[in-house]
Amino acid sequence: MPEKTAKKAAKKVPIKKTSKKAGASKKQAAKTVKPKKVAQKTAAPVTKTSATKGDTLVQPVMNIGLVGHVDHGKTTLTERLSGKWTDTHSEEIKRGITIRLGYADCVFYRIPGKTGPEQYTTKAMDAETKRANEAIIKVSFVDAPGHESLMATMLSGATIMDGAILLIAANEACPQPQTREHLMALEIAGITKLVVVQNKVDVVSSERAQHNHQQIKEFLKGTPYEEAPIVPISAQRGVNIDVLIETMLAVFIPPERDPRAEPMMVVARSFDINKPGAKAKQLQGGVIGGALKAGVLKNGDTIEIRPGRIVEEANKLKAKPLTTTIRGLVTGGQKVEQVTPGGSIAVMTLLDHAIVKGDLLTGSVVGHPGKLPPIWDEFLLEPTLLERVVGSQQDLKVNPLTPNEILMLNVNSAATVGIVTDLKKGRVRCRLKKPICATLGSRVTISRRVGNRFRLIGYGVIKE
């Protein structure tokens, strides 16, 4: 991405050998729990596309989300795999937690001459032989916040994920509130590919790790992810990372894409890349970042952004769609002439930087003019409510929706507030505070205020 990132929030903790009294050694930690066996099917090497230069993989082929309860190691694992610390904003550094969605690209390699899990790495060069490793696949990681107050951000990130890693800390009881909430969010978002990571096995005894592993299995029982592989690791110390890579290659197979479809990009970020004090002749247009869900975008294309700019008119927020020209495309850290569906991308435009700064266009949809879904300021939903409130410390029943109730609604990468204006048998009409762009039949996650937080209570399908 062309945006400059801040320096790492915390220096990488060096791996030191721990004494037997202090805890399990690397070897012991790796042996605490064996992950379930997965089919020995690995992702095929990426075929060369416009975003592939020579033998170098440029564009990531899929987005993999990292989700789970706060402080269970999502950002640490992202750094271990990609080398990038994704908490770069000042408030994230100050508070020590992820607040915005973080992005990092990673290439998985195979070490020639080795077999089993030891053949997999994220290093381009083998430290022993000093020879280049064989690139297998390039992916984008989406690091979602785990704090309960940032559930809307996690839900927005789930819409661009092709698969997910659920992190569960071995030193805490399972499930924690947001572990349960994030798993339900993945199910509602339709994400079927999941790898469960049991992190921090280096800070607990073998017995406690085994007990936590059993808790994880009980937690997953009865869910669509009951057979998901569970991989014990230490992200901080790099234990079992090769086993995790092997598991990911078996589970996360890139989905089939249709390059002939009309392009549709979901915007997860928008920002200004101009430095303070830049002269008028040096100013560059705004940048939008996200994931292309279908079709192909090319440098020089004319694009429409919907709902686009949100302005207040007559005490009501209204959508002003934007039209601009693509002046550059970036994926995998390199400029390309066109992008296809897959990992995260950045689209450089001719838009005024004031329109895009501070993620003002987050939640918008991008495509060719006149080819995008409609803009909604109200819609009729067919809701499906859960039996119990997800994410709350208390075991609360989900009561029926009521007239004039205020809900938090998420669709695509957009989050808006909806007010219930009409209730019919099996249908609910909501007036939206902020317009959104979505196709008829889109799935909308529904959260209601419980105490001082919005909690996930179900989803709805847009009917009209």
Protein backbone atom coordinates (compact mmCIF):
# COMPACT_ATOMS: atom_id res chain seq x y z
CA MET A 1 0.00 0.00 0.00
CA PRO A 2 1.37 3.50 -0.74
CA GLU A 3 0.45 4.87 2.68
CA LYS A 4 3.39 5.20 5.04
CA THR A 5 3.16 3.09 8.15
CA ALA A 6 4.43 3.98 11.60
CA LYS A 7 7.27 2.15 13.23
CA LYS A 8 6.46 -1.05 15.04
CA ALA A 9 4.59 -0.50 18.28
CA ALA A 10 6.75 -2.91 20.20
CA LYS A 11 10.13 -4.38 19.43
CA LYS A 12 10.16 -8.01 18.52
CA VAL A 13 10.80 -10.03 21.65
CA PRO A 14 13.87 -12.20 21.14
CA ILE A 15 13.38 -15.92 21.55
CA LYS A 16 15.18 -17.13 24.61
CA LYS A 17 15.49 -20.58 25.99
CA THR A 18 13.28 -20.99 29.03
CA SER A 19 14.22 -23.05 32.01
CA LYS A 20 12.24 -26.11 32.99
CA LYS A 21 10.90 -24.21 35.99
CA ALA A 22 9.79 -21.20 33.96
CA GLY A 23 7.80 -23.25 31.48
CA ALA A 24 7.90 -25.69 28.62
CA SER A 25 10.74 -25.46 26.16
CA LYS A 26 10.15 -25.04 22.46
CA LYS A 27 10.25 -28.77 21.94
CA GLN A 28 7.87 -29.46 24.83
CA ALA A 29 5.48 -26.72 23.74
CA ALA A 30 5.28 -28.14 20.26
CA LYS A 31 4.37 -31.54 21.65
CA THR A 32 1.62 -30.45 24.02
CA VAL A 33 -1.25 -31.09 21.63
CA LYS A 34 -1.11 -32.59 18.18
CA PRO A 35 -3.37 -30.90 15.62
CA LYS A 36 -5.99 -32.92 13.82
CA LYS A 37 -4.75 -34.48 10.64
CA VAL A 38 -5.83 -32.65 7.54
CA ALA A 39 -6.00 -33.94 4.00
CA GLN A 40 -2.63 -33.75 2.34
CA LYS A 41 -3.89 -31.40 -0.30
CA THR A 42 -1.98 -28.20 -0.85
CA ALA A 43 -2.89 -25.16 -2.82
CA ALA A 44 -1.70 -25.30 -6.38
CA PRO A 45 0.96 -22.78 -7.42
CA VAL A 46 -0.53 -19.54 -8.61
CA THR A 47 -0.84 -19.27 -12.36
CA LYS A 48 0.74 -16.24 -13.91
CA THR A 49 -1.66 -13.36 -14.34
CA SER A 50 -1.36 -9.66 -15.04
CA ALA A 51 -0.44 -9.23 -11.39
CA THR A 52 2.34 -11.83 -11.57
CA LYS A 53 5.76 -10.71 -12.76
CA GLY A 54 8.03 -13.46 -13.97
CA ASP A 55 8.37 -16.08 -11.25
CA THR A 56 7.51 -13.57 -8.50
CA LEU A 57 4.04 -13.72 -6.97
CA VAL A 58 2.69 -10.19 -6.85
CA GLN A 59 -1.06 -10.17 -6.17
CA PRO A 60 -2.31 -12.21 -3.20
CA VAL A 61 -4.97 -14.71 -4.30
CA MET A 62 -7.12 -14.63 -1.17
CA ASN A 63 -7.78 -12.82 2.12
CA ILE A 64 -7.35 -14.75 5.37
CA GLY A 65 -8.78 -13.15 8.50
CA LEU A 66 -7.33 -13.42 12.00
CA VAL A 67 -10.12 -13.25 14.57
CA GLY A 68 -10.62 -14.01 18.24
CA HIS A 69 -10.79 -12.51 21.71
CA VAL A 70 -8.69 -9.46 22.60
CA ASP A 71 -5.04 -10.17 23.47
CA HIS A 72 -5.07 -13.75 22.18
CA GLY A 73 -2.21 -13.02 19.77
CA LYS A 74 -3.74 -12.07 16.41
CA THR A 75 -1.35 -9.21 15.66
CA THR A 76 1.66 -11.16 16.98
CA LEU A 77 0.85 -14.08 14.67
CA THR A 78 0.37 -11.70 11.75
CA GLU A 79 3.85 -10.34 12.39
CA ARG A 80 5.32 -13.83 12.79
CA LEU A 81 3.96 -14.87 9.39
CA SER A 82 4.33 -11.63 7.39
CA GLY A 83 7.04 -9.71 9.21
CA LYS A 84 4.70 -6.72 9.57
CA TRP A 85 3.29 -5.33 12.81
CA THR A 86 -0.19 -4.15 11.80
CA ASP A 87 -0.96 -1.93 14.83
CA THR A 88 0.42 1.30 13.38
CA HIS A 89 -2.05 4.00 14.39
CA SER A 90 -1.19 6.22 17.36
CA GLU A 91 -4.17 5.13 19.46
CA GLU A 92 -3.38 1.44 18.81
CA ILE A 93 0.20 1.99 19.96
CA LYS A 94 -1.01 3.89 23.03
CA ARG A 95 -3.60 1.30 24.09
CA GLY A 96 -1.76 -1.80 22.91
CA ILE A 97 -4.76 -3.22 21.03
CA THR A 98 -5.92 -3.42 17.41
CA ILE A 99 -8.55 -0.76 16.62
CA ARG A 100 -8.68 -0.64 12.82
CA LEU A 101 -8.41 -3.51 10.39
CA GLY A 102 -4.76 -4.37 9.79
CA TYR A 103 -3.40 -5.74 6.50
CA ALA A 104 -0.26 -7.68 5.66
CA ASP A 105 0.80 -9.81 2.70
CA CYS A 106 2.66 -13.09 3.01
CA VAL A 107 4.18 -15.68 0.66
CA PHE A 108 4.35 -19.34 1.66
CA TYR A 109 7.46 -21.17 0.43
CA ARG A 110 8.60 -24.78 0.11
CA ILE A 111 12.19 -25.64 1.08
CA PRO A 112 13.69 -27.96 -1.58
CA GLY A 113 14.88 -31.30 -0.23
CA LYS A 114 12.76 -31.29 2.90
CA THR A 115 9.54 -33.19 3.62
CA GLY A 116 6.66 -32.94 6.08
CA PRO A 117 5.84 -29.70 7.91
CA GLU A 118 9.53 -28.69 7.99
CA GLN A 119 9.45 -27.98 4.26
CA TYR A 120 7.11 -24.98 4.72
CA THR A 121 8.27 -21.50 5.59
CA THR A 122 7.63 -17.79 4.98
CA LYS A 123 11.31 -17.13 4.22
CA ALA A 124 12.39 -16.63 0.62
CA MET A 125 15.88 -18.01 1.32
CA ASP A 126 16.84 -21.19 3.16
CA ALA A 127 19.13 -20.27 6.06
CA GLU A 128 20.97 -23.61 5.90
CA THR A 129 21.68 -23.99 2.18
CA LYS A 130 21.53 -20.27 1.28
CA ARG A 131 19.39 -21.26 -1.71
CA ALA A 132 16.12 -19.73 -2.83
CA ASN A 133 12.96 -21.47 -1.67
CA GLU A 134 10.06 -22.29 -4.01
CA ALA A 135 7.14 -19.87 -3.80
CA ILE A 136 3.79 -21.66 -3.42
CA ILE A 137 1.13 -19.02 -2.88
CA LYS A 138 0.71 -15.41 -1.77
CA VAL A 139 -2.10 -14.37 0.58
CA SER A 140 -3.29 -11.26 2.42
CA PHE A 141 -3.94 -11.35 6.16
CA VAL A 142 -6.73 -9.22 7.66
CA ASP A 143 -6.05 -8.59 11.36
CA ALA A 144 -9.43 -7.89 13.02
CA PRO A 145 -9.78 -6.19 16.43
CA GLY A 146 -10.86 -8.43 19.30
CA HIS A 147 -12.15 -5.86 21.78
CA GLU A 148 -15.90 -6.01 22.44
CA SER A 149 -16.37 -2.32 21.61
CA LEU A 150 -14.95 -2.83 18.10
CA MET A 151 -17.29 -5.57 16.89
CA ALA A 152 -18.56 -3.40 14.02
CA THR A 153 -15.00 -3.21 12.64
CA MET A 154 -14.62 -6.98 12.86
CA LEU A 155 -17.94 -7.51 11.06
CA SER A 156 -16.82 -5.15 8.29
CA GLY A 157 -13.60 -7.10 7.89
CA ALA A 158 -15.41 -10.44 7.72
CA THR A 159 -17.01 -9.45 4.41
CA ILE A 160 -13.65 -9.46 2.59
CA MET A 161 -12.35 -12.72 4.12
CA ASP A 162 -12.15 -15.93 2.08
CA GLY A 163 -11.16 -17.94 5.14
CA ALA A 164 -10.26 -17.30 8.76
CA ILE A 165 -7.90 -18.24 11.58
CA LEU A 166 -9.56 -18.27 15.01
CA LEU A 167 -6.99 -17.66 17.73
CA ILE A 168 -7.65 -19.03 21.21
CA ALA A 169 -5.14 -18.46 24.03
CA ALA A 170 -4.18 -21.61 25.96
CA ASN A 171 -3.77 -19.64 29.20
CA GLU A 172 -7.45 -18.61 29.37
CA ALA A 173 -10.66 -20.60 29.61
CA CYS A 174 -12.43 -21.28 26.31
CA PRO A 175 -14.63 -19.77 25.06
CA GLN A 176 -14.11 -16.11 25.95
CA PRO A 177 -16.99 -13.72 25.03
CA GLN A 178 -15.53 -12.41 21.77
CA THR A 179 -14.29 -15.88 20.80
CA ARG A 180 -17.93 -16.93 20.71
CA GLU A 181 -19.05 -13.69 19.04
CA HIS A 182 -16.40 -13.82 16.31
CA LEU A 183 -17.16 -17.45 15.49
CA MET A 184 -20.85 -16.63 15.10
CA ALA A 185 -19.95 -13.65 12.91
CA LEU A 186 -17.91 -15.91 10.62
CA GLU A 187 -20.85 -18.30 10.32
CA ILE A 188 -23.27 -15.48 9.50
CA ALA A 189 -20.81 -14.07 6.93
CA GLY A 190 -20.79 -17.46 5.18
CA ILE A 191 -17.11 -18.23 5.81
CA THR A 192 -16.68 -22.01 5.71
CA LYS A 193 -12.88 -22.39 5.76
CA LEU A 194 -11.50 -22.15 9.30
CA VAL A 195 -8.28 -23.09 11.07
CA VAL A 196 -8.28 -22.89 14.88
CA VAL A 197 -4.99 -21.83 16.46
CA GLN A 198 -4.33 -22.66 20.10
CA ASN A 199 -1.80 -19.94 20.91
CA LYS A 200 0.50 -19.36 23.91
CA VAL A 201 1.15 -23.05 24.60
CA ASP A 202 4.63 -22.01 25.78
CA VAL A 203 3.27 -20.28 28.90
CA VAL A 204 1.21 -23.20 30.24
CA SER A 205 1.93 -26.75 31.35
CA SER A 206 1.27 -29.71 29.08
CA GLU A 207 -1.69 -30.72 31.24
CA ARG A 208 -3.28 -27.29 31.02
CA ALA A 209 -2.73 -27.16 27.26
CA GLN A 210 -4.46 -30.54 26.92
CA HIS A 211 -7.38 -29.31 29.04
CA ASN A 212 -7.69 -26.13 26.96
CA HIS A 213 -7.58 -28.21 23.76
CA GLN A 214 -10.53 -30.25 25.06
CA GLN A 215 -12.40 -27.03 25.87
CA ILE A 216 -11.88 -25.87 22.29
CA LYS A 217 -13.27 -29.14 20.92
CA GLU A 218 -16.33 -28.86 23.16
CA PHE A 219 -16.82 -25.24 22.08
CA LEU A 220 -16.75 -26.17 18.38
CA LYS A 221 -19.08 -29.14 18.80
CA GLY A 222 -22.41 -28.62 17.07
CA THR A 223 -21.10 -25.72 14.92
CA PRO A 224 -20.23 -25.82 11.19
CA TYR A 225 -16.58 -25.79 12.31
CA GLU A 226 -16.70 -28.95 14.42
CA GLU A 227 -14.11 -30.66 12.21
CA ALA A 228 -11.82 -27.64 11.86
CA PRO A 229 -8.15 -28.49 12.54
CA ILE A 230 -6.72 -27.23 15.85
CA VAL A 231 -3.03 -26.28 15.71
CA PRO A 232 -1.09 -25.56 18.95
CA ILE A 233 1.53 -22.84 18.50
CA SER A 234 3.49 -20.11 20.19
CA ALA A 235 3.35 -17.06 17.93
CA GLN A 236 5.79 -15.22 20.19
CA ARG A 237 8.44 -17.96 20.02
CA GLY A 238 7.72 -19.31 16.55
CA VAL A 239 6.76 -22.80 17.73
CA ASN A 240 4.84 -25.00 15.24
CA ILE A 241 4.55 -22.26 12.61
CA ASP A 242 5.55 -24.75 9.91
CA VAL A 243 2.70 -27.06 10.98
CA LEU A 244 0.32 -24.10 10.82
CA ILE A 245 1.46 -23.24 7.29
CA GLU A 246 0.96 -26.86 6.19
CA THR A 247 -2.55 -26.80 7.66
CA MET A 248 -3.41 -23.48 5.99
CA LEU A 249 -2.25 -24.74 2.62
CA ALA A 250 -4.55 -27.74 2.99
CA VAL A 251 -7.60 -25.78 4.18
CA PHE A 252 -7.40 -22.45 2.37
CA ILE A 253 -7.82 -23.30 -1.30
CA PRO A 254 -8.33 -20.15 -3.43
CA PRO A 255 -11.96 -19.95 -4.60
CA GLU A 256 -12.92 -19.97 -8.24
CA ARG A 257 -13.20 -16.45 -9.69
CA ASP A 258 -15.02 -15.21 -12.77
CA PRO A 259 -12.88 -12.55 -14.50
CA ARG A 260 -15.70 -11.88 -17.00
CA ALA A 261 -18.10 -10.68 -14.30
CA GLU A 262 -18.73 -6.98 -13.70
CA PRO A 263 -16.09 -5.71 -11.28
CA MET A 264 -17.18 -5.04 -7.71
CA MET A 265 -14.76 -3.88 -5.05
CA VAL A 266 -15.59 -3.56 -1.35
CA VAL A 267 -13.88 -0.54 0.24
CA ALA A 268 -12.35 -1.23 3.65
CA ARG A 269 -10.12 1.86 3.82
CA SER A 270 -9.66 5.26 2.20
CA PHE A 271 -6.90 7.73 2.88
CA ASP A 272 -4.82 10.72 1.78
CA ILE A 273 -1.16 10.09 0.89
CA ASN A 274 -0.12 13.75 0.61
CA LYS A 275 2.41 15.03 3.12
CA PRO A 276 1.54 18.11 5.21
CA GLY A 277 2.70 21.28 3.48
CA ALA A 278 2.82 19.73 0.01
CA LYS A 279 2.56 22.27 -2.82
CA ALA A 280 -0.45 22.29 -5.13
CA LYS A 281 1.52 20.80 -8.04
CA GLN A 282 2.66 17.93 -5.82
CA LEU A 283 -0.80 16.93 -4.60
CA GLN A 284 -2.03 13.45 -5.49
CA GLY A 285 -5.56 12.07 -5.57
CA GLY A 286 -7.07 9.97 -2.79
CA VAL A 287 -6.53 6.23 -2.36
CA ILE A 288 -9.15 3.59 -1.65
CA GLY A 289 -8.23 0.13 -0.36
CA GLY A 290 -10.13 -3.10 -0.01
CA ALA A 291 -10.83 -6.30 -1.90
CA LEU A 292 -12.09 -6.97 -5.43
CA LYS A 293 -14.88 -9.53 -5.13
CA ALA A 294 -15.47 -10.08 -8.86
CA GLY A 295 -14.31 -8.98 -12.32
CA VAL A 296 -11.17 -7.06 -13.29
CA LEU A 297 -10.12 -3.45 -12.69
CA LYS A 298 -7.59 -1.81 -15.02
CA ASN A 299 -5.44 1.27 -14.82
CA GLY A 300 -7.28 4.10 -16.62
CA ASP A 301 -10.78 2.67 -16.00
CA THR A 302 -13.59 5.05 -15.15
CA ILE A 303 -15.18 3.89 -11.91
CA GLU A 304 -18.19 4.77 -9.78
CA ILE A 305 -18.15 4.73 -5.98
CA ARG A 306 -21.46 4.15 -4.18
CA PRO A 307 -22.91 5.39 -1.90
CA GLY A 308 -19.84 7.61 -2.12
CA ARG A 309 -19.78 10.88 -0.27
CA ILE A 310 -22.29 11.21 2.59
CA VAL A 311 -23.56 14.76 3.14
CA GLU A 312 -26.21 16.27 5.38
CA GLU A 313 -29.18 17.92 3.66
CA ALA A 314 -32.35 19.01 5.47
CA ASN A 315 -31.17 17.28 8.66
CA LYS A 316 -30.78 13.98 6.81
CA LEU A 317 -27.69 12.13 5.58
CA LYS A 318 -27.78 11.66 1.82
CA ALA A 319 -25.54 9.75 -0.58
CA LYS A 320 -23.61 11.45 -3.38
CA PRO A 321 -22.10 8.80 -5.69
CA LEU A 322 -18.65 9.65 -7.03
CA THR A 323 -17.13 9.06 -10.45
CA THR A 324 -13.38 9.11 -11.00
CA THR A 325 -10.55 7.56 -13.00
CA ILE A 326 -8.07 4.94 -11.81
CA ARG A 327 -4.59 6.42 -12.08
CA GLY A 328 -2.74 3.53 -10.45
CA LEU A 329 -3.19 0.08 -8.91
CA VAL A 330 -1.12 -1.45 -6.13
CA THR A 331 -1.24 -5.00 -4.82
CA GLY A 332 1.31 -7.03 -2.91
CA GLY A 333 3.38 -3.87 -2.49
CA GLN A 334 3.88 -3.41 -6.25
CA LYS A 335 2.24 -1.32 -8.96
CA VAL A 336 0.34 -3.31 -11.61
CA GLU A 337 -1.71 -2.52 -14.68
CA GLN A 338 -4.75 -4.54 -13.63
CA VAL A 339 -6.03 -6.51 -10.65
CA THR A 340 -8.21 -9.58 -10.32
CA PRO A 341 -10.19 -10.88 -7.32
CA GLY A 342 -8.03 -12.06 -4.46
CA GLY A 343 -6.13 -10.27 -1.72
CA SER A 344 -6.14 -6.65 -0.67
CA ILE A 345 -5.61 -3.93 -3.28
CA ALA A 346 -5.14 -0.17 -3.35
CA VAL A 347 -6.72 1.97 -6.06
CA MET A 348 -5.18 5.39 -6.67
CA THR A 349 -7.72 7.88 -7.98
CA LEU A 350 -8.13 11.50 -9.04
CA LEU A 351 -10.49 12.22 -6.12
CA ASP A 352 -9.90 15.24 -3.90
CA HIS A 353 -7.92 14.02 -0.91
CA ALA A 354 -10.39 15.73 1.45
CA ILE A 355 -13.11 13.30 0.30
CA VAL A 356 -11.16 10.15 1.12
CA LYS A 357 -9.14 11.04 4.21
CA GLY A 358 -9.77 9.29 7.50
CA ASP A 359 -11.58 6.31 5.93
CA LEU A 360 -14.51 8.50 4.84
CA LEU A 361 -15.32 6.15 1.94
CA THR A 362 -15.10 2.94 3.99
CA GLY A 363 -18.21 0.85 3.36
CA SER A 364 -18.60 1.99 -0.25
CA VAL A 365 -18.69 -0.29 -3.30
CA VAL A 366 -16.65 0.36 -6.47
CA GLY A 367 -17.39 -0.73 -10.04
CA HIS A 368 -18.09 0.49 -13.54
CA PRO A 369 -20.58 3.39 -13.81
CA GLY A 370 -24.20 2.25 -13.88
CA LYS A 371 -23.33 -1.36 -12.99
CA LEU A 372 -23.39 -1.17 -9.19
CA PRO A 373 -26.15 -2.27 -6.76
CA PRO A 374 -28.76 0.25 -5.55
CA ILE A 375 -28.32 2.68 -2.67
CA TRP A 376 -30.65 2.10 0.29
CA ASP A 377 -31.81 4.61 2.89
CA GLU A 378 -34.38 2.09 4.13
CA PHE A 379 -35.09 -1.57 3.43
CA LEU A 380 -37.25 -4.52 4.36
CA LEU A 381 -35.43 -7.37 6.06
CA GLU A 382 -36.35 -10.98 6.64
CA PRO A 383 -34.64 -11.48 10.02
CA THR A 384 -33.25 -14.62 11.62
CA LEU A 385 -32.59 -14.08 15.31
CA LEU A 386 -30.33 -16.19 17.50
CA GLU A 387 -31.63 -17.85 20.64
CA ARG A 388 -29.02 -16.22 22.89
CA VAL A 389 -27.14 -12.92 22.84
CA VAL A 390 -23.59 -13.52 21.59
CA GLY A 391 -20.57 -11.87 23.22
CA SER A 392 -22.17 -10.95 26.55
CA GLN A 393 -20.81 -12.22 29.85
CA GLN A 394 -24.38 -13.01 30.87
CA ASP A 395 -26.55 -15.71 29.33
CA LEU A 396 -29.31 -13.55 27.83
CA LYS A 397 -32.23 -14.58 25.65
CA VAL A 398 -32.74 -12.70 22.38
CA ASN A 399 -36.13 -11.02 22.56
CA PRO A 400 -38.13 -10.12 19.41
CA LEU A 401 -37.42 -6.81 17.69
CA THR A 402 -39.61 -3.90 18.79
CA PRO A 403 -40.93 -0.75 17.03
CA ASN A 404 -38.53 2.23 17.11
CA GLU A 405 -35.69 0.01 18.32
CA ILE A 406 -32.22 1.20 17.32
CA LEU A 407 -30.04 -1.49 15.71
CA MET A 408 -26.51 -1.63 14.37
CA LEU A 409 -26.51 -3.11 10.87
CA ASN A 410 -23.51 -4.34 8.86
CA VAL A 411 -23.57 -5.18 5.17
CA ASN A 412 -20.50 -5.59 2.96
CA SER A 413 -17.90 -3.42 4.72
CA ALA A 414 -20.47 -0.79 5.72
CA ALA A 415 -21.83 -0.17 9.21
CA THR A 416 -24.96 1.90 9.78
CA VAL A 417 -27.66 2.50 12.35
CA GLY A 418 -31.16 1.28 11.55
CA ILE A 419 -34.39 2.28 13.28
CA VAL A 420 -37.25 -0.22 13.20
CA THR A 421 -40.21 1.57 11.60
CA ASP A 422 -42.53 -1.33 10.83
CA LEU A 423 -42.94 -4.94 11.91
CA LYS A 424 -44.84 -7.49 9.87
CA LYS A 425 -45.02 -11.25 10.17
CA GLY A 426 -41.48 -12.41 9.59
CA ARG A 427 -40.39 -9.02 8.17
CA VAL A 428 -38.96 -5.81 9.63
CA ARG A 429 -38.56 -2.43 7.91
CA CYS A 430 -35.61 -0.28 8.94
CA ARG A 431 -34.87 3.37 8.21
CA LEU A 432 -31.13 3.87 7.89
CA LYS A 433 -29.28 6.78 9.43
CA LYS A 434 -26.48 6.39 6.86
CA PRO A 435 -27.23 5.12 3.30
CA ILE A 436 -25.55 1.93 2.13
CA CYS A 437 -25.00 0.19 -1.23
CA ALA A 438 -25.92 -3.50 -1.43
CA THR A 439 -27.53 -6.01 -3.77
CA LEU A 440 -31.05 -7.29 -3.21
CA GLY A 441 -30.76 -10.48 -1.16
CA SER A 442 -27.61 -9.38 0.67
CA ARG A 443 -27.14 -10.67 4.20
CA VAL A 444 -27.13 -8.01 6.93
CA THR A 445 -25.82 -8.70 10.44
CA ILE A 446 -28.01 -7.35 13.24
CA SER A 447 -26.75 -6.14 16.62
CA ARG A 448 -28.74 -4.51 19.43
CA ARG A 449 -27.66 -2.53 22.45
CA VAL A 450 -27.29 -4.71 25.52
CA GLY A 451 -26.10 -2.66 28.47
CA ASN A 452 -23.54 -0.24 27.04
CA ARG A 453 -22.49 -2.38 24.04
CA PHE A 454 -24.02 -3.52 20.77
CA ARG A 455 -24.25 -7.32 20.75
CA LEU A 456 -24.75 -9.65 17.80
CA ILE A 457 -28.29 -11.08 17.83
CA GLY A 458 -28.76 -12.39 14.29
CA TYR A 459 -28.93 -11.47 10.63
CA GLY A 460 -31.43 -10.45 7.98
CA VAL A 461 -31.80 -10.71 4.21
CA ILE A 462 -32.71 -7.63 2.17
CA LYS A 463 -36.08 -8.27 0.51
CA GLU A 464 -37.02 -4.84 -0.80
